Amino acid sequence: MADIFTTRAREIIRRIPPGMVSTYGIIAEYAGNRSGARQVVRILHSSSEKYGLPWHRVVNRNGQIPGRSSMGHLFQRQLLEEEGVVFGENGRIDFTLCLWLPEEFE
């Protein structure tokens, strides 16, 4: 059985709409643990497939996809671009255009 933080984090991730992104830290804060960004990473790795989470819509606080040298990075970027997320020349996502905050959890 998942703890309250994990359950809330999964629900928040599930609600990120196509074409929008959120960050590990934002999800952690709204799920109840301001310093739980690494826990969100673990939740994504362990639960995305099982719970059908849109893992690709979660990025780091700088608007970047971590792990630039991996195929996973390229796949995540492709999925986001297919949804209309625009990357700048620096490889960062413009949060003014597509940062999603889970307002219903405020």
PDB file of N, CA and C in Angstrom:
ATOM      1  N   MET A   1       0.835  -1.184   0.000  1.00  0.00           N
ATOM      2  CA  MET A   1       0.000   0.000   0.000  1.00  0.00           C
ATOM      3  C   MET A   1       0.878   1.245   0.000  1.00  0.00           C
ATOM      4  N   ALA A   2       0.566   2.179  -0.876  1.00  0.00           N
ATOM      5  CA  ALA A   2       1.359   3.393  -1.011  1.00  0.00           C
ATOM      6  C   ALA A   2       1.043   4.374   0.116  1.00  0.00           C
ATOM      7  N   ASP A   3       2.063   5.159   0.484  1.00  0.00           N
ATOM      8  CA  ASP A   3       1.838   6.190   1.488  1.00  0.00           C
ATOM      9  C   ASP A   3       1.091   7.373   0.867  1.00  0.00           C
ATOM     10  N   ILE A   4       0.673   8.306   1.683  1.00  0.00           N
ATOM     11  CA  ILE A   4      -0.124   9.441   1.223  1.00  0.00           C
ATOM     12  C   ILE A   4       0.646  10.272   0.206  1.00  0.00           C
ATOM     13  N   PHE A   5       1.936  10.514   0.452  1.00  0.00           N
ATOM     14  CA  PHE A   5       2.743  11.305  -0.476  1.00  0.00           C
ATOM     15  C   PHE A   5       2.772  10.653  -1.858  1.00  0.00           C
ATOM     16  N   THR A   6       3.045   9.370  -1.894  1.00  0.00           N
ATOM     17  CA  THR A   6       3.121   8.653  -3.173  1.00  0.00           C
ATOM     18  C   THR A   6       1.790   8.695  -3.905  1.00  0.00           C
ATOM     19  N   THR A   7       0.716   8.463  -3.194  1.00  0.00           N
ATOM     20  CA  THR A   7      -0.613   8.491  -3.802  1.00  0.00           C
ATOM     21  C   THR A   7      -0.920   9.875  -4.373  1.00  0.00           C
ATOM     22  N   ARG A   8      -0.625  10.920  -3.608  1.00  0.00           N
ATOM     23  CA  ARG A   8      -0.884  12.289  -4.079  1.00  0.00           C
ATOM     24  C   ARG A   8       0.011  12.628  -5.264  1.00  0.00           C
ATOM     25  N   ALA A   9       1.278  12.233  -5.214  1.00  0.00           N
ATOM     26  CA  ALA A   9       2.200  12.523  -6.316  1.00  0.00           C
ATOM     27  C   ALA A   9       1.716  11.850  -7.601  1.00  0.00           C
ATOM     28  N   ARG A  10       1.312  10.605  -7.508  1.00  0.00           N
ATOM     29  CA  ARG A  10       0.794   9.905  -8.693  1.00  0.00           C
ATOM     30  C   ARG A  10      -0.417  10.625  -9.275  1.00  0.00           C
ATOM     31  N   GLU A  11      -1.318  11.065  -8.418  1.00  0.00           N
ATOM     32  CA  GLU A  11      -2.516  11.759  -8.882  1.00  0.00           C
ATOM     33  C   GLU A  11      -2.158  13.086  -9.549  1.00  0.00           C
ATOM     34  N   ILE A  12      -1.229  13.805  -8.989  1.00  0.00           N
ATOM     35  CA  ILE A  12      -0.794  15.072  -9.583  1.00  0.00           C
ATOM     36  C   ILE A  12      -0.176  14.824 -10.954  1.00  0.00           C
ATOM     37  N   ILE A  13       0.711  13.859 -11.045  1.00  0.00           N
ATOM     38  CA  ILE A  13       1.363  13.536 -12.321  1.00  0.00           C
ATOM     39  C   ILE A  13       0.313  13.136 -13.353  1.00  0.00           C
ATOM     40  N   ARG A  14      -0.639  12.340 -12.952  1.00  0.00           N
ATOM     41  CA  ARG A  14      -1.695  11.869 -13.848  1.00  0.00           C
ATOM     42  C   ARG A  14      -2.479  13.042 -14.441  1.00  0.00           C
ATOM     43  N   ARG A  15      -2.584  14.144 -13.726  1.00  0.00           N
ATOM     44  CA  ARG A  15      -3.390  15.292 -14.157  1.00  0.00           C
ATOM     45  C   ARG A  15      -2.650  16.290 -15.053  1.00  0.00           C
ATOM     46  N   ILE A  16      -1.363  16.123 -15.253  1.00  0.00           N
ATOM     47  CA  ILE A  16      -0.636  17.064 -16.117  1.00  0.00           C
ATOM     48  C   ILE A  16      -1.181  16.919 -17.529  1.00  0.00           C
ATOM     49  N   PRO A  17      -1.730  17.985 -18.079  1.00  0.00           N
ATOM     50  CA  PRO A  17      -2.353  17.868 -19.405  1.00  0.00           C
ATOM     51  C   PRO A  17      -1.329  17.814 -20.537  1.00  0.00           C
ATOM     52  N   PRO A  18      -1.723  17.247 -21.664  1.00  0.00           N
ATOM     53  CA  PRO A  18      -0.851  17.234 -22.832  1.00  0.00           C
ATOM     54  C   PRO A  18      -0.418  18.658 -23.197  1.00  0.00           C
ATOM     55  N   GLY A  19       0.830  18.793 -23.600  1.00  0.00           N
ATOM     56  CA  GLY A  19       1.359  20.094 -23.984  1.00  0.00           C
ATOM     57  C   GLY A  19       1.838  20.933 -22.824  1.00  0.00           C
ATOM     58  N   MET A  20       1.756  20.394 -21.626  1.00  0.00           N
ATOM     59  CA  MET A  20       2.194  21.091 -20.428  1.00  0.00           C
ATOM     60  C   MET A  20       3.220  20.221 -19.694  1.00  0.00           C
ATOM     61  N   VAL A  21       4.011  20.857 -18.837  1.00  0.00           N
ATOM     62  CA  VAL A  21       4.983  20.133 -18.025  1.00  0.00           C
ATOM     63  C   VAL A  21       4.913  20.642 -16.589  1.00  0.00           C
ATOM     64  N   SER A  22       5.429  19.840 -15.691  1.00  0.00           N
ATOM     65  CA  SER A  22       5.620  20.250 -14.311  1.00  0.00           C
ATOM     66  C   SER A  22       7.009  19.777 -13.895  1.00  0.00           C
ATOM     67  N   THR A  23       7.421  20.130 -12.700  1.00  0.00           N
ATOM     68  CA  THR A  23       8.758  19.747 -12.237  1.00  0.00           C
ATOM     69  C   THR A  23       8.660  18.772 -11.071  1.00  0.00           C
ATOM     70  N   TYR A  24       9.758  18.073 -10.845  1.00  0.00           N
ATOM     71  CA  TYR A  24       9.821  17.144  -9.718  1.00  0.00           C
ATOM     72  C   TYR A  24       9.522  17.882  -8.414  1.00  0.00           C
ATOM     73  N   GLY A  25      10.115  19.062  -8.254  1.00  0.00           N
ATOM     74  CA  GLY A  25       9.939  19.835  -7.030  1.00  0.00           C
ATOM     75  C   GLY A  25       8.530  20.335  -6.824  1.00  0.00           C
ATOM     76  N   ILE A  26       7.891  20.810  -7.885  1.00  0.00           N
ATOM     77  CA  ILE A  26       6.509  21.286  -7.770  1.00  0.00           C
ATOM     78  C   ILE A  26       5.598  20.132  -7.363  1.00  0.00           C
ATOM     79  N   ILE A  27       5.781  18.999  -8.007  1.00  0.00           N
ATOM     80  CA  ILE A  27       4.950  17.832  -7.671  1.00  0.00           C
ATOM     81  C   ILE A  27       5.171  17.440  -6.215  1.00  0.00           C
ATOM     82  N   ALA A  28       6.418  17.422  -5.782  1.00  0.00           N
ATOM     83  CA  ALA A  28       6.723  17.061  -4.393  1.00  0.00           C
ATOM     84  C   ALA A  28       6.061  18.025  -3.413  1.00  0.00           C
ATOM     85  N   GLU A  29       6.177  19.302  -3.695  1.00  0.00           N
ATOM     86  CA  GLU A  29       5.594  20.300  -2.792  1.00  0.00           C
ATOM     87  C   GLU A  29       4.078  20.144  -2.689  1.00  0.00           C
ATOM     88  N   TYR A  30       3.407  20.010  -3.814  1.00  0.00           N
ATOM     89  CA  TYR A  30       1.950  19.877  -3.795  1.00  0.00           C
ATOM     90  C   TYR A  30       1.502  18.532  -3.226  1.00  0.00           C
ATOM     91  N   ALA A  31       2.367  17.544  -3.290  1.00  0.00           N
ATOM     92  CA  ALA A  31       2.032  16.237  -2.713  1.00  0.00           C
ATOM     93  C   ALA A  31       2.292  16.195  -1.206  1.00  0.00           C
ATOM     94  N   GLY A  32       2.944  17.243  -0.690  1.00  0.00           N
ATOM     95  CA  GLY A  32       3.105  17.328   0.755  1.00  0.00           C
ATOM     96  C   GLY A  32       4.507  17.247   1.297  1.00  0.00           C
ATOM     97  N   ASN A  33       5.522  17.222   0.438  1.00  0.00           N
ATOM     98  CA  ASN A  33       6.899  17.170   0.917  1.00  0.00           C
ATOM     99  C   ASN A  33       7.761  18.088   0.059  1.00  0.00           C
ATOM    100  N   ARG A  34       7.934  19.297   0.515  1.00  0.00           N
ATOM    101  CA  ARG A  34       8.665  20.320  -0.224  1.00  0.00           C
ATOM    102  C   ARG A  34      10.051  19.863  -0.673  1.00  0.00           C
ATOM    103  N   SER A  35      10.671  18.988   0.065  1.00  0.00           N
ATOM    104  CA  SER A  35      12.020  18.518  -0.289  1.00  0.00           C
ATOM    105  C   SER A  35      12.000  17.098  -0.865  1.00  0.00           C
ATOM    106  N   GLY A  36      10.877  16.684  -1.427  1.00  0.00           N
ATOM    107  CA  GLY A  36      10.734  15.315  -1.902  1.00  0.00           C
ATOM    108  C   GLY A  36      10.915  15.109  -3.397  1.00  0.00           C
ATOM    109  N   ALA A  37      11.655  15.997  -4.066  1.00  0.00           N
ATOM    110  CA  ALA A  37      11.829  15.864  -5.519  1.00  0.00           C
ATOM    111  C   ALA A  37      12.422  14.509  -5.901  1.00  0.00           C
ATOM    112  N   ARG A  38      13.388  14.037  -5.142  1.00  0.00           N
ATOM    113  CA  ARG A  38      13.994  12.729  -5.464  1.00  0.00           C
ATOM    114  C   ARG A  38      13.006  11.594  -5.272  1.00  0.00           C
ATOM    115  N   GLN A  39      12.094  11.754  -4.331  1.00  0.00           N
ATOM    116  CA  GLN A  39      11.046  10.743  -4.160  1.00  0.00           C
ATOM    117  C   GLN A  39      10.158  10.705  -5.396  1.00  0.00           C
ATOM    118  N   VAL A  40       9.892  11.865  -5.983  1.00  0.00           N
ATOM    119  CA  VAL A  40       9.073  11.918  -7.195  1.00  0.00           C
ATOM    120  C   VAL A  40       9.786  11.179  -8.325  1.00  0.00           C
ATOM    121  N   VAL A  41      11.097  11.341  -8.416  1.00  0.00           N
ATOM    122  CA  VAL A  41      11.878  10.606  -9.425  1.00  0.00           C
ATOM    123  C   VAL A  41      11.680   9.109  -9.225  1.00  0.00           C
ATOM    124  N   ARG A  42      11.779   8.637  -8.004  1.00  0.00           N
ATOM    125  CA  ARG A  42      11.604   7.206  -7.722  1.00  0.00           C
ATOM    126  C   ARG A  42      10.185   6.742  -8.052  1.00  0.00           C
ATOM    127  N   ILE A  43       9.208   7.580  -7.739  1.00  0.00           N
ATOM    128  CA  ILE A  43       7.819   7.230  -8.059  1.00  0.00           C
ATOM    129  C   ILE A  43       7.656   7.084  -9.563  1.00  0.00           C
ATOM    130  N   LEU A  44       8.226   8.011 -10.322  1.00  0.00           N
ATOM    131  CA  LEU A  44       8.132   7.936 -11.779  1.00  0.00           C
ATOM    132  C   LEU A  44       8.786   6.662 -12.305  1.00  0.00           C
ATOM    133  N   HIS A  45       9.946   6.326 -11.770  1.00  0.00           N
ATOM    134  CA  HIS A  45      10.643   5.128 -12.242  1.00  0.00           C
ATOM    135  C   HIS A  45       9.907   3.843 -11.875  1.00  0.00           C
ATOM    136  N   SER A  46       9.276   3.836 -10.723  1.00  0.00           N
ATOM    137  CA  SER A  46       8.639   2.596 -10.275  1.00  0.00           C
ATOM    138  C   SER A  46       7.168   2.484 -10.654  1.00  0.00           C
ATOM    139  N   SER A  47       6.505   3.595 -10.963  1.00  0.00           N
ATOM    140  CA  SER A  47       5.053   3.561 -11.123  1.00  0.00           C
ATOM    141  C   SER A  47       4.522   3.997 -12.482  1.00  0.00           C
ATOM    142  N   SER A  48       5.342   4.611 -13.314  1.00  0.00           N
ATOM    143  CA  SER A  48       4.827   5.185 -14.566  1.00  0.00           C
ATOM    144  C   SER A  48       4.124   4.163 -15.437  1.00  0.00           C
ATOM    145  N   GLU A  49       4.752   3.040 -15.649  1.00  0.00           N
ATOM    146  CA  GLU A  49       4.148   2.017 -16.510  1.00  0.00           C
ATOM    147  C   GLU A  49       2.931   1.385 -15.835  1.00  0.00           C
ATOM    148  N   LYS A  50       3.099   1.008 -14.581  1.00  0.00           N
ATOM    149  CA  LYS A  50       2.025   0.324 -13.856  1.00  0.00           C
ATOM    150  C   LYS A  50       0.754   1.166 -13.755  1.00  0.00           C
ATOM    151  N   TYR A  51       0.916   2.487 -13.537  1.00  0.00           N
ATOM    152  CA  TYR A  51      -0.235   3.355 -13.337  1.00  0.00           C
ATOM    153  C   TYR A  51      -0.538   4.250 -14.544  1.00  0.00           C
ATOM    154  N   GLY A  52       0.174   4.062 -15.644  1.00  0.00           N
ATOM    155  CA  GLY A  52      -0.068   4.839 -16.851  1.00  0.00           C
ATOM    156  C   GLY A  52       0.197   6.324 -16.678  1.00  0.00           C
ATOM    157  N   LEU A  53       1.239   6.653 -15.950  1.00  0.00           N
ATOM    158  CA  LEU A  53       1.549   8.059 -15.681  1.00  0.00           C
ATOM    159  C   LEU A  53       2.257   8.704 -16.875  1.00  0.00           C
ATOM    160  N   PRO A  54       1.937   9.957 -17.170  1.00  0.00           N
ATOM    161  CA  PRO A  54       2.618  10.667 -18.257  1.00  0.00           C
ATOM    162  C   PRO A  54       3.988  11.172 -17.784  1.00  0.00           C
ATOM    163  N   TRP A  55       4.893  10.254 -17.577  1.00  0.00           N
ATOM    164  CA  TRP A  55       6.218  10.534 -17.022  1.00  0.00           C
ATOM    165  C   TRP A  55       6.978  11.582 -17.822  1.00  0.00           C
ATOM    166  N   HIS A  56       6.717  11.623 -19.119  1.00  0.00           N
ATOM    167  CA  HIS A  56       7.468  12.512 -19.997  1.00  0.00           C
ATOM    168  C   HIS A  56       7.138  13.983 -19.746  1.00  0.00           C
ATOM    169  N   ARG A  57       6.080  14.269 -19.017  1.00  0.00           N
ATOM    170  CA  ARG A  57       5.679  15.652 -18.743  1.00  0.00           C
ATOM    171  C   ARG A  57       6.303  16.207 -17.472  1.00  0.00           C
ATOM    172  N   VAL A  58       7.238  15.488 -16.890  1.00  0.00           N
ATOM    173  CA  VAL A  58       7.917  15.952 -15.686  1.00  0.00           C
ATOM    174  C   VAL A  58       9.381  16.205 -16.025  1.00  0.00           C
ATOM    175  N   VAL A  59       9.834  17.429 -15.728  1.00  0.00           N
ATOM    176  CA  VAL A  59      11.199  17.844 -16.048  1.00  0.00           C
ATOM    177  C   VAL A  59      11.840  18.471 -14.811  1.00  0.00           C
ATOM    178  N   ASN A  60      13.103  18.848 -14.930  1.00  0.00           N
ATOM    179  CA  ASN A  60      13.751  19.442 -13.769  1.00  0.00           C
ATOM    180  C   ASN A  60      13.395  20.921 -13.624  1.00  0.00           C
ATOM    181  N   ARG A  61      13.841  21.518 -12.551  1.00  0.00           N
ATOM    182  CA  ARG A  61      13.453  22.901 -12.232  1.00  0.00           C
ATOM    183  C   ARG A  61      13.983  23.928 -13.215  1.00  0.00           C
ATOM    184  N   ASN A  62      14.936  23.533 -14.046  1.00  0.00           N
ATOM    185  CA  ASN A  62      15.492  24.428 -15.054  1.00  0.00           C
ATOM    186  C   ASN A  62      14.793  24.293 -16.405  1.00  0.00           C
ATOM    187  N   GLY A  63      13.757  23.472 -16.462  1.00  0.00           N
ATOM    188  CA  GLY A  63      13.050  23.263 -17.715  1.00  0.00           C
ATOM    189  C   GLY A  63      13.796  22.351 -18.659  1.00  0.00           C
ATOM    190  N   GLN A  64      14.619  21.483 -18.099  1.00  0.00           N
ATOM    191  CA  GLN A  64      15.411  20.573 -18.910  1.00  0.00           C
ATOM    192  C   GLN A  64      15.042  19.127 -18.610  1.00  0.00           C
ATOM    193  N   ILE A  65      15.331  18.298 -19.591  1.00  0.00           N
ATOM    194  CA  ILE A  65      15.180  16.862 -19.410  1.00  0.00           C
ATOM    195  C   ILE A  65      16.522  16.339 -18.910  1.00  0.00           C
ATOM    196  N   PRO A  66      16.537  15.697 -17.758  1.00  0.00           N
ATOM    197  CA  PRO A  66      17.812  15.169 -17.263  1.00  0.00           C
ATOM    198  C   PRO A  66      18.316  14.012 -18.126  1.00  0.00           C
ATOM    199  N   GLY A  67      19.621  13.774 -18.096  1.00  0.00           N
ATOM    200  CA  GLY A  67      20.204  12.654 -18.815  1.00  0.00           C
ATOM    201  C   GLY A  67      20.357  12.917 -20.301  1.00  0.00           C
ATOM    202  N   ARG A  68      20.948  14.020 -20.661  1.00  0.00           N
ATOM    203  CA  ARG A  68      21.042  14.440 -22.061  1.00  0.00           C
ATOM    204  C   ARG A  68      21.703  13.436 -22.994  1.00  0.00           C
ATOM    205  N   SER A  69      22.503  12.558 -22.472  1.00  0.00           N
ATOM    206  CA  SER A  69      23.222  11.642 -23.358  1.00  0.00           C
ATOM    207  C   SER A  69      22.476  10.326 -23.596  1.00  0.00           C
ATOM    208  N   SER A  70      21.315  10.200 -23.020  1.00  0.00           N
ATOM    209  CA  SER A  70      20.618   8.914 -23.138  1.00  0.00           C
ATOM    210  C   SER A  70      19.551   8.948 -24.225  1.00  0.00           C
ATOM    211  N   MET A  71      19.179   7.768 -24.678  1.00  0.00           N
ATOM    212  CA  MET A  71      18.091   7.643 -25.639  1.00  0.00           C
ATOM    213  C   MET A  71      16.762   8.040 -24.984  1.00  0.00           C
ATOM    214  N   GLY A  72      16.651   7.825 -23.683  1.00  0.00           N
ATOM    215  CA  GLY A  72      15.447   8.209 -22.963  1.00  0.00           C
ATOM    216  C   GLY A  72      15.195   9.702 -23.048  1.00  0.00           C
ATOM    217  N   HIS A  73      16.274  10.480 -22.994  1.00  0.00           N
ATOM    218  CA  HIS A  73      16.176  11.928 -23.122  1.00  0.00           C
ATOM    219  C   HIS A  73      15.587  12.302 -24.480  1.00  0.00           C
ATOM    220  N   LEU A  74      16.100  11.679 -25.524  1.00  0.00           N
ATOM    221  CA  LEU A  74      15.609  11.970 -26.874  1.00  0.00           C
ATOM    222  C   LEU A  74      14.146  11.559 -27.039  1.00  0.00           C
ATOM    223  N   PHE A  75      13.785  10.416 -26.454  1.00  0.00           N
ATOM    224  CA  PHE A  75      12.410   9.933 -26.541  1.00  0.00           C
ATOM    225  C   PHE A  75      11.470  10.869 -25.787  1.00  0.00           C
ATOM    226  N   GLN A  76      11.885  11.303 -24.599  1.00  0.00           N
ATOM    227  CA  GLN A  76      11.065  12.212 -23.810  1.00  0.00           C
ATOM    228  C   GLN A  76      10.873  13.531 -24.561  1.00  0.00           C
ATOM    229  N   ARG A  77      11.934  14.044 -25.126  1.00  0.00           N
ATOM    230  CA  ARG A  77      11.826  15.290 -25.893  1.00  0.00           C
ATOM    231  C   ARG A  77      10.881  15.118 -27.088  1.00  0.00           C
ATOM    232  N   GLN A  78      11.003  13.991 -27.773  1.00  0.00           N
ATOM    233  CA  GLN A  78      10.126  13.722 -28.911  1.00  0.00           C
ATOM    234  C   GLN A  78       8.658  13.705 -28.480  1.00  0.00           C
ATOM    235  N   LEU A  79       8.364  13.021 -27.375  1.00  0.00           N
ATOM    236  CA  LEU A  79       6.987  12.958 -26.884  1.00  0.00           C
ATOM    237  C   LEU A  79       6.457  14.349 -26.549  1.00  0.00           C
ATOM    238  N   LEU A  80       7.289  15.158 -25.909  1.00  0.00           N
ATOM    239  CA  LEU A  80       6.864  16.509 -25.546  1.00  0.00           C
ATOM    240  C   LEU A  80       6.657  17.378 -26.785  1.00  0.00           C
ATOM    241  N   GLU A  81       7.562  17.280 -27.735  1.00  0.00           N
ATOM    242  CA  GLU A  81       7.425  18.074 -28.963  1.00  0.00           C
ATOM    243  C   GLU A  81       6.172  17.669 -29.735  1.00  0.00           C
ATOM    244  N   GLU A  82       5.846  16.385 -29.731  1.00  0.00           N
ATOM    245  CA  GLU A  82       4.629  15.917 -30.396  1.00  0.00           C
ATOM    246  C   GLU A  82       3.376  16.505 -29.748  1.00  0.00           C
ATOM    247  N   GLU A  83       3.477  16.860 -28.474  1.00  0.00           N
ATOM    248  CA  GLU A  83       2.356  17.477 -27.764  1.00  0.00           C
ATOM    249  C   GLU A  83       2.365  19.001 -27.895  1.00  0.00           C
ATOM    250  N   GLY A  84       3.388  19.547 -28.563  1.00  0.00           N
ATOM    251  CA  GLY A  84       3.447  20.986 -28.777  1.00  0.00           C
ATOM    252  C   GLY A  84       4.360  21.751 -27.846  1.00  0.00           C
ATOM    253  N   VAL A  85       5.099  21.058 -26.993  1.00  0.00           N
ATOM    254  CA  VAL A  85       6.042  21.732 -26.107  1.00  0.00           C
ATOM    255  C   VAL A  85       7.230  22.190 -26.943  1.00  0.00           C
ATOM    256  N   VAL A  86       7.601  23.465 -26.780  1.00  0.00           N
ATOM    257  CA  VAL A  86       8.686  24.050 -27.554  1.00  0.00           C
ATOM    258  C   VAL A  86       9.931  24.158 -26.694  1.00  0.00           C
ATOM    259  N   PHE A  87      11.045  23.721 -27.262  1.00  0.00           N
ATOM    260  CA  PHE A  87      12.342  23.819 -26.602  1.00  0.00           C
ATOM    261  C   PHE A  87      13.122  24.970 -27.210  1.00  0.00           C
ATOM    262  N   GLY A  88      13.805  25.727 -26.376  1.00  0.00           N
ATOM    263  CA  GLY A  88      14.670  26.787 -26.867  1.00  0.00           C
ATOM    264  C   GLY A  88      15.970  26.211 -27.393  1.00  0.00           C
ATOM    265  N   GLU A  89      16.797  27.067 -27.965  1.00  0.00           N
ATOM    266  CA  GLU A  89      18.094  26.627 -28.484  1.00  0.00           C
ATOM    267  C   GLU A  89      18.977  26.043 -27.395  1.00  0.00           C
ATOM    268  N   ASN A  90      18.743  26.479 -26.160  1.00  0.00           N
ATOM    269  CA  ASN A  90      19.521  25.975 -25.035  1.00  0.00           C
ATOM    270  C   ASN A  90      19.000  24.647 -24.499  1.00  0.00           C
ATOM    271  N   GLY A  91      17.956  24.087 -25.144  1.00  0.00           N
ATOM    272  CA  GLY A  91      17.394  22.815 -24.715  1.00  0.00           C
ATOM    273  C   GLY A  91      16.432  22.921 -23.560  1.00  0.00           C
ATOM    274  N   ARG A  92      16.081  24.149 -23.193  1.00  0.00           N
ATOM    275  CA  ARG A  92      15.166  24.363 -22.073  1.00  0.00           C
ATOM    276  C   ARG A  92      13.758  24.659 -22.563  1.00  0.00           C
ATOM    277  N   ILE A  93      12.814  24.261 -21.749  1.00  0.00           N
ATOM    278  CA  ILE A  93      11.404  24.526 -22.013  1.00  0.00           C
ATOM    279  C   ILE A  93      11.067  25.887 -21.414  1.00  0.00           C
ATOM    280  N   ASP A  94      10.318  26.684 -22.138  1.00  0.00           N
ATOM    281  CA  ASP A  94       9.894  27.986 -21.645  1.00  0.00           C
ATOM    282  C   ASP A  94       8.701  27.792 -20.712  1.00  0.00           C
ATOM    283  N   PHE A  95       8.955  27.927 -19.414  1.00  0.00           N
ATOM    284  CA  PHE A  95       7.897  27.717 -18.430  1.00  0.00           C
ATOM    285  C   PHE A  95       6.777  28.746 -18.537  1.00  0.00           C
ATOM    286  N   THR A  96       7.052  29.901 -19.122  1.00  0.00           N
ATOM    287  CA  THR A  96       5.973  30.895 -19.261  1.00  0.00           C
ATOM    288  C   THR A  96       4.906  30.407 -20.222  1.00  0.00           C
ATOM    289  N   LEU A  97       5.252  29.449 -21.065  1.00  0.00           N
ATOM    290  CA  LEU A  97       4.300  28.923 -22.044  1.00  0.00           C
ATOM    291  C   LEU A  97       3.616  27.636 -21.607  1.00  0.00           C
ATOM    292  N   CYS A  98       4.315  26.808 -20.830  1.00  0.00           N
ATOM    293  CA  CYS A  98       3.728  25.476 -20.601  1.00  0.00           C
ATOM    294  C   CYS A  98       3.976  24.878 -19.217  1.00  0.00           C
ATOM    295  N   LEU A  99       4.235  25.710 -18.214  1.00  0.00           N
ATOM    296  CA  LEU A  99       4.379  25.159 -16.859  1.00  0.00           C
ATOM    297  C   LEU A  99       2.993  24.971 -16.257  1.00  0.00           C
ATOM    298  N   TRP A 100       2.724  23.755 -15.801  1.00  0.00           N
ATOM    299  CA  TRP A 100       1.444  23.430 -15.189  1.00  0.00           C
ATOM    300  C   TRP A 100       1.608  23.343 -13.685  1.00  0.00           C
ATOM    301  N   LEU A 101       0.739  24.045 -12.972  1.00  0.00           N
ATOM    302  CA  LEU A 101       0.697  23.961 -11.510  1.00  0.00           C
ATOM    303  C   LEU A 101      -0.596  23.277 -11.104  1.00  0.00           C
ATOM    304  N   PRO A 102      -0.508  22.362 -10.178  1.00  0.00           N
ATOM    305  CA  PRO A 102      -1.707  21.614  -9.748  1.00  0.00           C
ATOM    306  C   PRO A 102      -2.572  22.441  -8.815  1.00  0.00           C
ATOM    307  N   GLU A 103      -3.240  23.437  -9.347  1.00  0.00           N
ATOM    308  CA  GLU A 103      -4.024  24.372  -8.542  1.00  0.00           C
ATOM    309  C   GLU A 103      -5.064  23.697  -7.665  1.00  0.00           C
ATOM    310  N   GLU A 104      -5.615  22.606  -8.137  1.00  0.00           N
ATOM    311  CA  GLU A 104      -6.647  21.933  -7.338  1.00  0.00           C
ATOM    312  C   GLU A 104      -6.109  21.350  -6.043  1.00  0.00           C
ATOM    313  N   PHE A 105      -4.781  21.331  -5.878  1.00  0.00           N
ATOM    314  CA  PHE A 105      -4.195  20.808  -4.649  1.00  0.00           C
ATOM    315  C   PHE A 105      -3.732  21.910  -3.717  1.00  0.00           C
ATOM    316  N   GLU A 106      -3.954  23.160  -4.083  1.00  0.00           N
ATOM    317  CA  GLU A 106      -3.490  24.274  -3.234  1.00  0.00           C
ATOM    318  C   GLU A 106      -4.274  24.356  -1.950  1.00  0.00           C
TER     319      GLU A 106
END
